[in-house]
């Protein structure tokens, strides 16, 4: 059980890390990309935009907390 818990903690820290909002945003972006692609539309452009937006929001949020 201890090894299973350690394995779960590793993956949680690897995927979520310090910012659960960014991880959730990426999951939503993957789902949106899949939905758009399933609709027959080229969806190659959606993930790069989503990653850039999520990174910008994450950095902006961190800059605000660091300056206070």
PDB file of N, CA and C in Angstrom:
ATOM      1  N   UNK A   1       0.829  -1.193   0.000  1.00  0.00           N
ATOM      2  CA  UNK A   1       0.000   0.000   0.000  1.00  0.00           C
ATOM      3  C   UNK A   1       0.873   1.257   0.000  1.00  0.00           C
ATOM      4  N   UNK A   2       1.994   1.201   0.704  1.00  0.00           N
ATOM      5  CA  UNK A   2       2.880   2.362   0.775  1.00  0.00           C
ATOM      6  C   UNK A   2       3.426   2.711  -0.604  1.00  0.00           C
ATOM      7  N   UNK A   3       3.796   1.693  -1.374  1.00  0.00           N
ATOM      8  CA  UNK A   3       4.324   1.944  -2.723  1.00  0.00           C
ATOM      9  C   UNK A   3       3.250   2.494  -3.647  1.00  0.00           C
ATOM     10  N   UNK A   4       2.050   2.004  -3.502  1.00  0.00           N
ATOM     11  CA  UNK A   4       0.942   2.510  -4.323  1.00  0.00           C
ATOM     12  C   UNK A   4       0.669   3.974  -4.005  1.00  0.00           C
ATOM     13  N   UNK A   5       0.708   4.318  -2.721  1.00  0.00           N
ATOM     14  CA  UNK A   5       0.504   5.711  -2.320  1.00  0.00           C
ATOM     15  C   UNK A   5       1.636   6.602  -2.849  1.00  0.00           C
ATOM     16  N   UNK A   6       2.865   6.114  -2.774  1.00  0.00           N
ATOM     17  CA  UNK A   6       4.005   6.884  -3.291  1.00  0.00           C
ATOM     18  C   UNK A   6       3.895   7.069  -4.797  1.00  0.00           C
ATOM     19  N   UNK A   7       3.456   6.035  -5.484  1.00  0.00           N
ATOM     20  CA  UNK A   7       3.252   6.121  -6.934  1.00  0.00           C
ATOM     21  C   UNK A   7       2.185   7.166  -7.259  1.00  0.00           C
ATOM     22  N   UNK A   8       1.094   7.155  -6.516  1.00  0.00           N
ATOM     23  CA  UNK A   8       0.028   8.142  -6.723  1.00  0.00           C
ATOM     24  C   UNK A   8       0.503   9.557  -6.442  1.00  0.00           C
ATOM     25  N   UNK A   9       1.284   9.748  -5.377  1.00  0.00           N
ATOM     26  CA  UNK A   9       1.819  11.074  -5.062  1.00  0.00           C
ATOM     27  C   UNK A   9       2.759  11.579  -6.150  1.00  0.00           C
ATOM     28  N   UNK A  10       3.582  10.665  -6.674  1.00  0.00           N
ATOM     29  CA  UNK A  10       4.485  11.056  -7.753  1.00  0.00           C
ATOM     30  C   UNK A  10       3.693  11.598  -8.935  1.00  0.00           C
ATOM     31  N   UNK A  11       2.683  10.859  -9.376  1.00  0.00           N
ATOM     32  CA  UNK A  11       1.925  11.298 -10.540  1.00  0.00           C
ATOM     33  C   UNK A  11       1.127  12.561 -10.259  1.00  0.00           C
ATOM     34  N   UNK A  12       0.602  12.707  -9.062  1.00  0.00           N
ATOM     35  CA  UNK A  12      -0.107  13.934  -8.710  1.00  0.00           C
ATOM     36  C   UNK A  12       0.847  15.129  -8.801  1.00  0.00           C
ATOM     37  N   UNK A  13       2.031  15.006  -8.206  1.00  0.00           N
ATOM     38  CA  UNK A  13       3.006  16.103  -8.254  1.00  0.00           C
ATOM     39  C   UNK A  13       3.512  16.346  -9.669  1.00  0.00           C
ATOM     40  N   UNK A  14       3.640  15.294 -10.456  1.00  0.00           N
ATOM     41  CA  UNK A  14       4.117  15.446 -11.829  1.00  0.00           C
ATOM     42  C   UNK A  14       3.083  16.143 -12.703  1.00  0.00           C
ATOM     43  N   UNK A  15       1.825  15.755 -12.583  1.00  0.00           N
ATOM     44  CA  UNK A  15       0.776  16.310 -13.442  1.00  0.00           C
ATOM     45  C   UNK A  15       0.285  17.650 -12.913  1.00  0.00           C
ATOM     46  N   UNK A  16      -0.038  17.716 -11.644  1.00  0.00           N
ATOM     47  CA  UNK A  16      -0.635  18.927 -11.083  1.00  0.00           C
ATOM     48  C   UNK A  16       0.441  19.901 -10.633  1.00  0.00           C
ATOM     49  N   UNK A  17       1.418  19.421  -9.928  1.00  0.00           N
ATOM     50  CA  UNK A  17       2.505  20.292  -9.464  1.00  0.00           C
ATOM     51  C   UNK A  17       2.025  21.345  -8.498  1.00  0.00           C
ATOM     52  N   UNK A  18       2.453  22.572  -8.697  1.00  0.00           N
ATOM     53  CA  UNK A  18       2.112  23.666  -7.789  1.00  0.00           C
ATOM     54  C   UNK A  18       0.825  24.380  -8.165  1.00  0.00           C
ATOM     55  N   UNK A  19       0.356  24.204  -9.363  1.00  0.00           N
ATOM     56  CA  UNK A  19      -0.791  24.987  -9.833  1.00  0.00           C
ATOM     57  C   UNK A  19      -1.877  24.067 -10.378  1.00  0.00           C
ATOM     58  N   UNK A  20      -2.859  23.753  -9.545  1.00  0.00           N
ATOM     59  CA  UNK A  20      -3.930  22.870  -9.970  1.00  0.00           C
ATOM     60  C   UNK A  20      -4.804  23.535 -11.041  1.00  0.00           C
ATOM     61  N   UNK A  21      -4.836  24.871 -11.041  1.00  0.00           N
ATOM     62  CA  UNK A  21      -5.648  25.580 -12.040  1.00  0.00           C
ATOM     63  C   UNK A  21      -5.086  25.375 -13.447  1.00  0.00           C
ATOM     64  N   UNK A  22      -3.766  25.397 -13.555  1.00  0.00           N
ATOM     65  CA  UNK A  22      -3.139  25.172 -14.860  1.00  0.00           C
ATOM     66  C   UNK A  22      -3.386  23.743 -15.328  1.00  0.00           C
ATOM     67  N   UNK A  23      -3.298  22.783 -14.416  1.00  0.00           N
ATOM     68  CA  UNK A  23      -3.557  21.390 -14.783  1.00  0.00           C
ATOM     69  C   UNK A  23      -5.007  21.220 -15.238  1.00  0.00           C
ATOM     70  N   UNK A  24      -5.928  21.839 -14.541  1.00  0.00           N
ATOM     71  CA  UNK A  24      -7.339  21.765 -14.922  1.00  0.00           C
ATOM     72  C   UNK A  24      -7.563  22.437 -16.277  1.00  0.00           C
ATOM     73  N   UNK A  25      -6.903  23.554 -16.510  1.00  0.00           N
ATOM     74  CA  UNK A  25      -7.029  24.239 -17.801  1.00  0.00           C
ATOM     75  C   UNK A  25      -6.539  23.376 -18.948  1.00  0.00           C
ATOM     76  N   UNK A  26      -5.453  22.650 -18.741  1.00  0.00           N
ATOM     77  CA  UNK A  26      -4.938  21.773 -19.794  1.00  0.00           C
ATOM     78  C   UNK A  26      -5.901  20.626 -20.048  1.00  0.00           C
ATOM     79  N   UNK A  27      -6.481  20.068 -18.984  1.00  0.00           N
ATOM     80  CA  UNK A  27      -7.469  18.989 -19.164  1.00  0.00           C
ATOM     81  C   UNK A  27      -8.672  19.502 -19.954  1.00  0.00           C
ATOM     82  N   UNK A  28      -9.126  20.690 -19.634  1.00  0.00           N
ATOM     83  CA  UNK A  28     -10.251  21.285 -20.375  1.00  0.00           C
ATOM     84  C   UNK A  28      -9.857  21.546 -21.826  1.00  0.00           C
ATOM     85  N   UNK A  29      -8.630  22.021 -22.051  1.00  0.00           N
ATOM     86  CA  UNK A  29      -8.166  22.285 -23.417  1.00  0.00           C
ATOM     87  C   UNK A  29      -8.076  20.997 -24.228  1.00  0.00           C
ATOM     88  N   UNK A  30      -7.625  19.918 -23.599  1.00  0.00           N
ATOM     89  CA  UNK A  30      -7.574  18.631 -24.308  1.00  0.00           C
ATOM     90  C   UNK A  30      -8.981  18.184 -24.676  1.00  0.00           C
ATOM     91  N   UNK A  31      -9.924  18.329 -23.749  1.00  0.00           N
ATOM     92  CA  UNK A  31     -11.309  17.968 -24.045  1.00  0.00           C
ATOM     93  C   UNK A  31     -11.909  18.828 -25.146  1.00  0.00           C
ATOM     94  N   UNK A  32     -11.630  20.123 -25.111  1.00  0.00           N
ATOM     95  CA  UNK A  32     -12.148  21.022 -26.145  1.00  0.00           C
ATOM     96  C   UNK A  32     -11.542  20.690 -27.504  1.00  0.00           C
ATOM     97  N   UNK A  33     -10.261  20.372 -27.528  1.00  0.00           N
ATOM     98  CA  UNK A  33      -9.609  19.999 -28.781  1.00  0.00           C
ATOM     99  C   UNK A  33     -10.213  18.725 -29.332  1.00  0.00           C
ATOM    100  N   UNK A  34     -10.467  17.756 -28.460  1.00  0.00           N
ATOM    101  CA  UNK A  34     -11.088  16.507 -28.901  1.00  0.00           C
ATOM    102  C   UNK A  34     -12.497  16.746 -29.438  1.00  0.00           C
ATOM    103  N   UNK A  35     -13.248  17.608 -28.773  1.00  0.00           N
ATOM    104  CA  UNK A  35     -14.608  17.907 -29.220  1.00  0.00           C
ATOM    105  C   UNK A  35     -14.613  18.607 -30.578  1.00  0.00           C
ATOM    106  N   UNK A  36     -13.707  19.558 -30.746  1.00  0.00           N
ATOM    107  CA  UNK A  36     -13.631  20.274 -32.028  1.00  0.00           C
ATOM    108  C   UNK A  36     -13.201  19.323 -33.135  1.00  0.00           C
ATOM    109  N   UNK A  37     -12.227  18.466 -32.846  1.00  0.00           N
ATOM    110  CA  UNK A  37     -11.752  17.518 -33.850  1.00  0.00           C
ATOM    111  C   UNK A  37     -12.838  16.491 -34.193  1.00  0.00           C
ATOM    112  N   UNK A  38     -13.614  16.086 -33.207  1.00  0.00           N
ATOM    113  CA  UNK A  38     -14.702  15.138 -33.466  1.00  0.00           C
ATOM    114  C   UNK A  38     -15.790  15.765 -34.329  1.00  0.00           C
ATOM    115  N   UNK A  39     -15.884  17.079 -34.272  1.00  0.00           N
ATOM    116  CA  UNK A  39     -16.858  17.786 -35.100  1.00  0.00           C
ATOM    117  C   UNK A  39     -16.412  17.958 -36.537  1.00  0.00           C
ATOM    118  N   UNK A  40     -15.230  17.458 -36.866  1.00  0.00           N
ATOM    119  CA  UNK A  40     -14.755  17.521 -38.239  1.00  0.00           C
ATOM    120  C   UNK A  40     -13.965  18.763 -38.586  1.00  0.00           C
ATOM    121  N   UNK A  41     -13.626  19.559 -37.586  1.00  0.00           N
ATOM    122  CA  UNK A  41     -12.873  20.791 -37.818  1.00  0.00           C
ATOM    123  C   UNK A  41     -11.403  20.537 -37.480  1.00  0.00           C
ATOM    124  N   UNK A  42     -10.498  21.123 -38.254  1.00  0.00           N
ATOM    125  CA  UNK A  42      -9.081  21.019 -37.915  1.00  0.00           C
ATOM    126  C   UNK A  42      -8.849  21.716 -36.578  1.00  0.00           C
ATOM    127  N   UNK A  43      -8.295  20.980 -35.615  1.00  0.00           N
ATOM    128  CA  UNK A  43      -8.150  21.512 -34.261  1.00  0.00           C
ATOM    129  C   UNK A  43      -6.698  21.686 -33.852  1.00  0.00           C
ATOM    130  N   UNK A  44      -5.782  21.677 -34.802  1.00  0.00           N
ATOM    131  CA  UNK A  44      -4.357  21.775 -34.472  1.00  0.00           C
ATOM    132  C   UNK A  44      -4.016  23.089 -33.787  1.00  0.00           C
ATOM    133  N   UNK A  45      -4.765  24.126 -34.032  1.00  0.00           N
ATOM    134  CA  UNK A  45      -4.478  25.461 -33.540  1.00  0.00           C
ATOM    135  C   UNK A  45      -4.953  25.687 -32.105  1.00  0.00           C
ATOM    136  N   UNK A  46      -5.845  24.832 -31.609  1.00  0.00           N
ATOM    137  CA  UNK A  46      -6.462  25.081 -30.311  1.00  0.00           C
ATOM    138  C   UNK A  46      -5.509  24.849 -29.134  1.00  0.00           C
ATOM    139  N   UNK A  47      -4.757  23.765 -29.152  1.00  0.00           N
ATOM    140  CA  UNK A  47      -3.864  23.478 -28.027  1.00  0.00           C
ATOM    141  C   UNK A  47      -2.757  24.518 -27.852  1.00  0.00           C
ATOM    142  N   UNK A  48      -2.071  24.948 -28.917  1.00  0.00           N
ATOM    143  CA  UNK A  48      -1.052  25.988 -28.703  1.00  0.00           C
ATOM    144  C   UNK A  48      -1.629  27.281 -28.114  1.00  0.00           C
ATOM    145  N   UNK A  49      -2.804  27.672 -28.574  1.00  0.00           N
ATOM    146  CA  UNK A  49      -3.439  28.867 -28.011  1.00  0.00           C
ATOM    147  C   UNK A  49      -3.811  28.664 -26.549  1.00  0.00           C
ATOM    148  N   UNK A  50      -4.357  27.493 -26.239  1.00  0.00           N
ATOM    149  CA  UNK A  50      -4.755  27.209 -24.862  1.00  0.00           C
ATOM    150  C   UNK A  50      -3.543  27.173 -23.934  1.00  0.00           C
ATOM    151  N   UNK A  51      -2.477  26.539 -24.366  1.00  0.00           N
ATOM    152  CA  UNK A  51      -1.268  26.462 -23.530  1.00  0.00           C
ATOM    153  C   UNK A  51      -0.692  27.856 -23.308  1.00  0.00           C
ATOM    154  N   UNK A  52      -0.645  28.671 -24.341  1.00  0.00           N
ATOM    155  CA  UNK A  52      -0.134  30.037 -24.191  1.00  0.00           C
ATOM    156  C   UNK A  52      -1.008  30.851 -23.236  1.00  0.00           C
ATOM    157  N   UNK A  53      -2.323  30.717 -23.354  1.00  0.00           N
ATOM    158  CA  UNK A  53      -3.234  31.454 -22.481  1.00  0.00           C
ATOM    159  C   UNK A  53      -3.109  30.983 -21.034  1.00  0.00           C
ATOM    160  N   UNK A  54      -3.021  29.685 -20.835  1.00  0.00           N
ATOM    161  CA  UNK A  54      -2.907  29.146 -19.476  1.00  0.00           C
ATOM    162  C   UNK A  54      -1.579  29.561 -18.854  1.00  0.00           C
ATOM    163  N   UNK A  55      -0.512  29.530 -19.625  1.00  0.00           N
ATOM    164  CA  UNK A  55       0.787  29.968 -19.116  1.00  0.00           C
ATOM    165  C   UNK A  55       0.757  31.442 -18.748  1.00  0.00           C
ATOM    166  N   UNK A  56       0.169  32.263 -19.589  1.00  0.00           N
ATOM    167  CA  UNK A  56       0.080  33.694 -19.315  1.00  0.00           C
ATOM    168  C   UNK A  56      -0.720  33.949 -18.034  1.00  0.00           C
ATOM    169  N   UNK A  57      -1.860  33.277 -17.879  1.00  0.00           N
ATOM    170  CA  UNK A  57      -2.672  33.455 -16.677  1.00  0.00           C
ATOM    171  C   UNK A  57      -1.935  32.991 -15.424  1.00  0.00           C
ATOM    172  N   UNK A  58      -1.237  31.875 -15.540  1.00  0.00           N
ATOM    173  CA  UNK A  58      -0.492  31.353 -14.402  1.00  0.00           C
ATOM    174  C   UNK A  58       0.637  32.300 -13.987  1.00  0.00           C
ATOM    175  N   UNK A  59       1.361  32.817 -14.961  1.00  0.00           N
ATOM    176  CA  UNK A  59       2.439  33.758 -14.662  1.00  0.00           C
ATOM    177  C   UNK A  59       1.908  35.063 -14.094  1.00  0.00           C
ATOM    178  N   UNK A  60       0.801  35.531 -14.609  1.00  0.00           N
ATOM    179  CA  UNK A  60       0.188  36.765 -14.105  1.00  0.00           C
ATOM    180  C   UNK A  60      -0.269  36.595 -12.657  1.00  0.00           C
ATOM    181  N   UNK A  61      -0.879  35.448 -12.375  1.00  0.00           N
ATOM    182  CA  UNK A  61      -1.326  35.164 -11.011  1.00  0.00           C
ATOM    183  C   UNK A  61      -0.134  35.090 -10.050  1.00  0.00           C
ATOM    184  N   UNK A  62       0.934  34.447 -10.470  1.00  0.00           N
ATOM    185  CA  UNK A  62       2.133  34.336  -9.638  1.00  0.00           C
ATOM    186  C   UNK A  62       2.803  35.690  -9.427  1.00  0.00           C
ATOM    187  N   UNK A  63       2.834  36.522 -10.461  1.00  0.00           N
ATOM    188  CA  UNK A  63       3.435  37.853 -10.337  1.00  0.00           C
ATOM    189  C   UNK A  63       2.647  38.710  -9.353  1.00  0.00           C
ATOM    190  N   UNK A  64       1.339  38.581  -9.348  1.00  0.00           N
ATOM    191  CA  UNK A  64       0.524  39.335  -8.400  1.00  0.00           C
ATOM    192  C   UNK A  64       0.785  38.916  -6.968  1.00  0.00           C
ATOM    193  N   UNK A  65       0.898  37.606  -6.732  1.00  0.00           N
ATOM    194  CA  UNK A  65       1.132  37.136  -5.364  1.00  0.00           C
ATOM    195  C   UNK A  65       2.549  37.446  -4.900  1.00  0.00           C
ATOM    196  N   UNK A  66       3.506  37.480  -5.819  1.00  0.00           N
ATOM    197  CA  UNK A  66       4.884  37.780  -5.451  1.00  0.00           C
ATOM    198  C   UNK A  66       5.087  39.247  -5.110  1.00  0.00           C
ATOM    199  N   UNK A  67       4.317  40.127  -5.740  1.00  0.00           N
ATOM    200  CA  UNK A  67       4.508  41.554  -5.534  1.00  0.00           C
ATOM    201  C   UNK A  67       3.810  42.057  -4.274  1.00  0.00           C
ATOM    202  N   UNK A  68       2.968  41.268  -3.667  1.00  0.00           N
ATOM    203  CA  UNK A  68       2.233  41.709  -2.487  1.00  0.00           C
ATOM    204  C   UNK A  68       2.977  41.430  -1.232  1.00  0.00           C
TER     205      UNK A  68
END
